[in-house]
Amino acid sequence: MEVLFVLKKVVSRLVFPLPLALQVILLGLIFIIFKRNRTGFVFILAGTVFLGAISVEPVADRMLRPLEQKYQPLQYDDTSAPSYIVVLGSGHFLQEGLPPNALLSQSSLSRVVEGIRIKNMYPDSTLVFTGGRFRYPVASSELAALASVELGIDENDILVVAEAKDTEDEASLARDIVGDESFVLVTSASHMHRSMIIFKSEGMDPIPSPTDFRAPDKLYNLWDYFPSAGALAKTERVFYERLGLAWAMIRGIVPE
């Protein structure tokens, strides 16, 4: 199972937008080396145009926005207080001397803050942080819990699930904790659609509260039409989620 997990990650990285564009350009160079100049030129041009297009913010936002706008953040409702708030993990790193919040990725920190926001609305609920260790001896969920304590949450109101490798693991392990109780699911807006599908496939009915929005409705200026690393990162999120949905569909998790 570990081999399959690593293979899935490696293959997905090969079809991310930047590696995919570079592979097309490289293929064009190979054609030129073998005197297939016209074919090589077509591949190089296609790869370059593709890379330029997906690195422009209006294009990236147009692809990302449909994923992010499927759900809206939870607003206070005094008629239905959740028992748990499940906050999914994301990236992190370790460096001596930095506080826990500084060790979390932008997505991770946004999720932690959203979890605390909901916890403040429903003080009797329990925060459940998920997320594995991966390359580091400390799990992202453990750092999230430490950051929450430093931001004022009682450690007795926090549970940590440090064994999960991916969203499917997080859903399965969270089910063992929340059971049939009501709970809020917190993750990045682009990741919420797939997360809801996976959690529902485990027989749960979470209340979504997305965060970490990257593609809001906005008025663009001239500079937004220049290629940028930030826009390319948004496109990568689209590819990541679409590939994840395709993988879930292959495994029969996606009902449609």
Protein backbone atom coordinates (compact mmCIF):
# COMPACT_ATOMS: atom_id res chain seq x y z
CA MET A 1 0.00 0.00 0.00
CA GLU A 2 2.93 2.33 0.78
CA VAL A 3 4.41 1.65 -2.67
CA LEU A 4 1.07 2.47 -4.32
CA PHE A 5 0.86 5.71 -2.34
CA VAL A 6 4.35 6.81 -3.43
CA LEU A 7 3.69 5.76 -7.04
CA LYS A 8 0.47 7.79 -7.07
CA LYS A 9 2.34 10.87 -5.83
CA VAL A 10 5.17 10.48 -8.37
CA VAL A 11 2.86 9.97 -11.36
CA SER A 12 0.67 12.92 -10.35
CA ARG A 13 3.71 15.21 -10.17
CA LEU A 14 4.68 14.27 -13.73
CA VAL A 15 1.36 15.58 -15.07
CA PHE A 16 1.34 18.79 -13.03
CA PRO A 17 1.27 21.86 -15.29
CA LEU A 18 4.94 22.88 -15.11
CA PRO A 19 6.45 19.37 -15.55
CA LEU A 20 3.89 18.65 -18.28
CA ALA A 21 4.82 21.79 -20.22
CA LEU A 22 8.53 21.05 -19.85
CA GLN A 23 8.01 17.48 -21.07
CA VAL A 24 6.24 18.76 -24.20
CA ILE A 25 9.07 21.24 -24.85
CA LEU A 26 11.68 18.53 -24.26
CA LEU A 27 9.89 16.25 -26.70
CA GLY A 28 10.08 19.05 -29.27
CA LEU A 29 13.83 19.34 -28.72
CA ILE A 30 14.20 15.60 -29.19
CA PHE A 31 12.36 15.82 -32.52
CA ILE A 32 14.70 18.60 -33.62
CA ILE A 33 17.75 16.53 -32.65
CA PHE A 34 16.46 13.77 -34.92
CA LYS A 35 15.93 16.26 -37.80
CA ARG A 36 12.15 16.45 -37.38
CA ASN A 37 12.33 20.23 -37.22
CA ARG A 38 8.72 21.05 -38.08
CA THR A 39 7.28 18.58 -35.59
CA GLY A 40 9.78 19.73 -32.98
CA PHE A 41 8.84 23.37 -33.50
CA VAL A 42 5.14 22.54 -33.06
CA PHE A 43 5.79 20.78 -29.73
CA ILE A 44 8.04 23.56 -28.44
CA LEU A 45 5.51 26.21 -29.42
CA ALA A 46 2.65 24.24 -27.87
CA GLY A 47 4.50 23.71 -24.61
CA THR A 48 5.56 27.36 -24.40
CA VAL A 49 2.08 28.71 -25.16
CA PHE A 50 0.52 26.29 -22.67
CA LEU A 51 2.97 27.29 -19.94
CA GLY A 52 2.43 30.99 -20.62
CA ALA A 53 -1.36 30.69 -20.61
CA ILE A 54 -1.62 28.80 -17.32
CA SER A 55 0.77 31.28 -15.67
CA VAL A 56 -1.60 34.22 -16.24
CA GLU A 57 -3.78 35.05 -13.22
CA PRO A 58 -7.15 35.55 -14.99
CA VAL A 59 -6.76 32.14 -16.67
CA ALA A 60 -5.69 30.43 -13.44
CA ASP A 61 -8.53 32.05 -11.49
CA ARG A 62 -11.08 31.01 -14.09
CA MET A 63 -10.02 27.37 -13.65
CA LEU A 64 -9.77 27.50 -9.86
CA ARG A 65 -12.90 29.52 -9.06
CA PRO A 66 -15.46 26.77 -9.85
CA LEU A 67 -13.79 24.51 -7.26
CA GLU A 68 -13.62 27.23 -4.62
CA GLN A 69 -17.18 28.51 -4.97
CA LYS A 70 -19.01 25.25 -4.37
CA TYR A 71 -19.23 25.94 -0.62
CA GLN A 72 -19.17 29.00 1.64
CA PRO A 73 -17.66 29.42 5.15
CA LEU A 74 -19.91 28.51 8.04
CA GLN A 75 -21.86 31.30 9.74
CA TYR A 76 -23.12 31.13 13.31
CA ASP A 77 -26.36 29.24 13.86
CA ASP A 78 -27.51 28.82 17.46
CA THR A 79 -29.93 26.03 16.52
CA SER A 80 -27.30 23.46 15.52
CA ALA A 81 -24.04 23.42 17.44
CA PRO A 82 -21.55 20.86 16.09
CA SER A 83 -19.86 18.41 18.43
CA TYR A 84 -16.58 18.38 16.50
CA ILE A 85 -14.58 20.56 14.13
CA VAL A 86 -12.39 18.40 11.88
CA VAL A 87 -9.49 20.39 10.40
CA LEU A 88 -7.63 18.62 7.61
CA GLY A 89 -3.85 18.82 7.42
CA SER A 90 -1.59 20.27 4.77
CA GLY A 91 2.09 21.15 4.42
CA HIS A 92 4.60 21.97 7.14
CA PHE A 93 8.32 21.97 7.88
CA LEU A 94 10.58 21.99 10.92
CA GLN A 95 13.15 24.61 11.90
CA GLU A 96 14.54 25.22 15.35
CA GLY A 97 13.57 28.48 16.96
CA LEU A 98 10.33 29.07 15.06
CA PRO A 99 6.89 28.91 16.72
CA PRO A 100 4.38 26.28 15.52
CA ASN A 101 2.34 28.74 13.45
CA ALA A 102 5.46 29.71 11.47
CA LEU A 103 6.12 26.05 10.65
CA LEU A 104 2.75 25.54 8.96
CA SER A 105 2.22 26.20 5.26
CA GLN A 106 -0.13 28.96 4.17
CA SER A 107 -2.91 26.44 3.59
CA SER A 108 -2.33 24.73 6.95
CA LEU A 109 -2.35 28.00 8.86
CA SER A 110 -5.52 29.20 7.10
CA ARG A 111 -7.24 25.95 8.11
CA VAL A 112 -6.11 26.27 11.72
CA VAL A 113 -7.39 29.85 11.92
CA GLU A 114 -10.75 28.81 10.44
CA GLY A 115 -10.99 25.95 12.93
CA ILE A 116 -10.35 28.37 15.80
CA ARG A 117 -12.95 30.79 14.40
CA ILE A 118 -15.58 28.08 14.49
CA LYS A 119 -14.41 26.87 17.89
CA ASN A 120 -14.96 30.39 19.22
CA MET A 121 -18.50 30.31 17.82
CA TYR A 122 -19.18 26.92 19.43
CA PRO A 123 -17.06 26.71 22.62
CA ASP A 124 -18.36 23.24 23.58
CA SER A 125 -17.09 21.64 20.37
CA THR A 126 -13.86 19.65 20.09
CA LEU A 127 -11.16 20.51 17.55
CA VAL A 128 -9.82 17.49 15.67
CA PHE A 129 -6.61 18.07 13.72
CA THR A 130 -5.56 15.50 11.12
CA GLY A 131 -2.39 15.21 9.06
CA GLY A 132 0.61 12.89 9.01
CA ARG A 133 4.34 13.15 9.54
CA PHE A 134 5.61 12.45 6.00
CA ARG A 135 9.28 13.54 5.96
CA TYR A 136 9.34 14.90 9.51
CA PRO A 137 9.15 13.31 12.97
CA VAL A 138 6.43 15.81 13.97
CA ALA A 139 3.06 15.61 12.21
CA SER A 140 1.31 18.62 10.72
CA SER A 141 -1.65 17.86 12.99
CA GLU A 142 0.60 18.06 16.04
CA LEU A 143 1.93 21.46 14.95
CA ALA A 144 -1.61 22.65 14.27
CA ALA A 145 -2.63 21.63 17.78
CA LEU A 146 0.37 23.42 19.31
CA ALA A 147 -0.38 26.56 17.30
CA SER A 148 -4.00 26.47 18.46
CA VAL A 149 -2.97 26.23 22.10
CA GLU A 150 -0.66 29.22 21.67
CA LEU A 151 -3.60 31.09 20.11
CA GLY A 152 -5.75 30.50 23.17
CA ILE A 153 -7.47 27.11 22.72
CA ASP A 154 -7.54 24.78 25.72
CA GLU A 155 -5.48 21.68 24.96
CA ASN A 156 -8.24 19.57 26.55
CA ASP A 157 -10.53 20.63 23.70
CA ILE A 158 -8.17 19.27 21.02
CA LEU A 159 -7.69 15.82 19.50
CA VAL A 160 -4.84 14.94 17.14
CA VAL A 161 -4.87 12.33 14.35
CA ALA A 162 -1.24 11.99 13.24
CA GLU A 163 -1.42 8.74 11.25
CA ALA A 164 -3.24 9.98 8.12
CA LYS A 165 -1.31 10.06 4.82
CA ASP A 166 -4.05 11.51 2.58
CA THR A 167 -7.66 12.68 2.60
CA GLU A 168 -9.03 9.14 2.48
CA ASP A 169 -7.07 8.26 5.61
CA GLU A 170 -8.24 11.45 7.30
CA ALA A 171 -11.87 10.60 6.57
CA SER A 172 -11.55 7.03 7.80
CA LEU A 173 -9.77 8.00 11.02
CA ALA A 174 -12.09 10.95 11.66
CA ARG A 175 -15.10 8.64 11.38
CA ASP A 176 -13.76 6.60 14.31
CA ILE A 177 -13.80 9.78 16.41
CA VAL A 178 -16.94 11.65 15.39
CA GLY A 179 -19.17 8.63 14.86
CA ASP A 180 -22.73 9.85 14.28
CA GLU A 181 -22.15 13.24 15.92
CA SER A 182 -22.48 16.46 13.91
CA PHE A 183 -19.21 18.04 12.83
CA VAL A 184 -17.77 20.84 10.74
CA LEU A 185 -15.21 20.00 8.08
CA VAL A 186 -12.49 22.60 7.52
CA THR A 187 -10.12 22.54 4.56
CA SER A 188 -8.98 24.76 1.70
CA ALA A 189 -11.76 25.97 -0.60
CA SER A 190 -10.24 24.22 -3.63
CA HIS A 191 -10.00 20.95 -1.66
CA MET A 192 -13.47 21.03 -0.11
CA HIS A 193 -15.40 19.48 -3.02
CA ARG A 194 -13.23 16.35 -3.08
CA SER A 195 -13.11 16.19 0.71
CA MET A 196 -16.90 16.26 0.98
CA ILE A 197 -17.17 13.42 -1.54
CA ILE A 198 -14.65 11.31 0.36
CA PHE A 199 -16.15 11.97 3.78
CA LYS A 200 -19.65 11.18 2.51
CA SER A 201 -18.34 7.95 1.02
CA GLU A 202 -17.43 6.98 4.59
CA GLY A 203 -21.05 7.45 5.66
CA MET A 204 -20.60 10.88 7.24
CA ASP A 205 -22.46 14.14 6.60
CA PRO A 206 -20.06 16.98 7.39
CA ILE A 207 -20.92 20.66 7.53
CA PRO A 208 -18.44 22.35 5.16
CA SER A 209 -16.52 25.47 6.08
CA PRO A 210 -13.87 26.20 3.44
CA THR A 211 -10.99 28.62 3.86
CA ASP A 212 -7.77 29.58 2.06
CA PHE A 213 -9.58 31.12 -0.91
CA ARG A 214 -7.15 31.92 -3.75
CA ALA A 215 -9.42 32.95 -6.64
CA PRO A 216 -11.97 35.53 -5.44
CA ASP A 217 -13.96 37.65 -7.87
CA LYS A 218 -11.80 40.66 -8.62
CA LEU A 219 -11.07 43.38 -11.15
CA TYR A 220 -7.83 42.67 -13.00
CA ASN A 221 -5.26 45.24 -13.99
CA LEU A 222 -2.67 45.12 -16.75
CA TRP A 223 -0.03 43.45 -14.58
CA ASP A 224 -2.30 40.48 -13.87
CA TYR A 225 -1.99 39.46 -17.53
CA PHE A 226 1.75 38.92 -17.20
CA PRO A 227 2.83 35.34 -16.35
CA SER A 228 3.67 34.85 -12.67
CA ALA A 229 4.68 32.08 -10.29
CA GLY A 230 1.63 32.85 -8.14
CA ALA A 231 -0.76 32.20 -11.01
CA LEU A 232 1.08 29.00 -11.89
CA ALA A 233 0.68 27.85 -8.28
CA LYS A 234 -3.08 28.35 -8.58
CA THR A 235 -3.14 26.25 -11.76
CA GLU A 236 -1.21 23.55 -9.94
CA ARG A 237 -3.95 23.42 -7.28
CA VAL A 238 -6.52 22.89 -10.04
CA PHE A 239 -4.51 20.02 -11.53
CA TYR A 240 -3.98 18.52 -8.07
CA GLU A 241 -7.68 18.49 -7.25
CA ARG A 242 -8.81 17.32 -10.69
CA LEU A 243 -6.31 14.47 -10.58
CA GLY A 244 -7.52 13.62 -7.08
CA LEU A 245 -11.12 13.52 -8.29
CA ALA A 246 -10.11 11.33 -11.23
CA TRP A 247 -8.33 8.94 -8.87
CA ALA A 248 -11.40 8.83 -6.61
CA MET A 249 -13.59 8.11 -9.64
CA ILE A 250 -11.33 5.25 -10.74
CA ARG A 251 -11.62 3.76 -7.26
CA GLY A 252 -15.41 4.16 -7.26
CA ILE A 253 -15.50 6.80 -4.52
CA VAL A 254 -17.06 9.54 -6.67
CA PRO A 255 -20.74 8.64 -7.04
CA GLU A 256 -21.34 10.38 -10.39
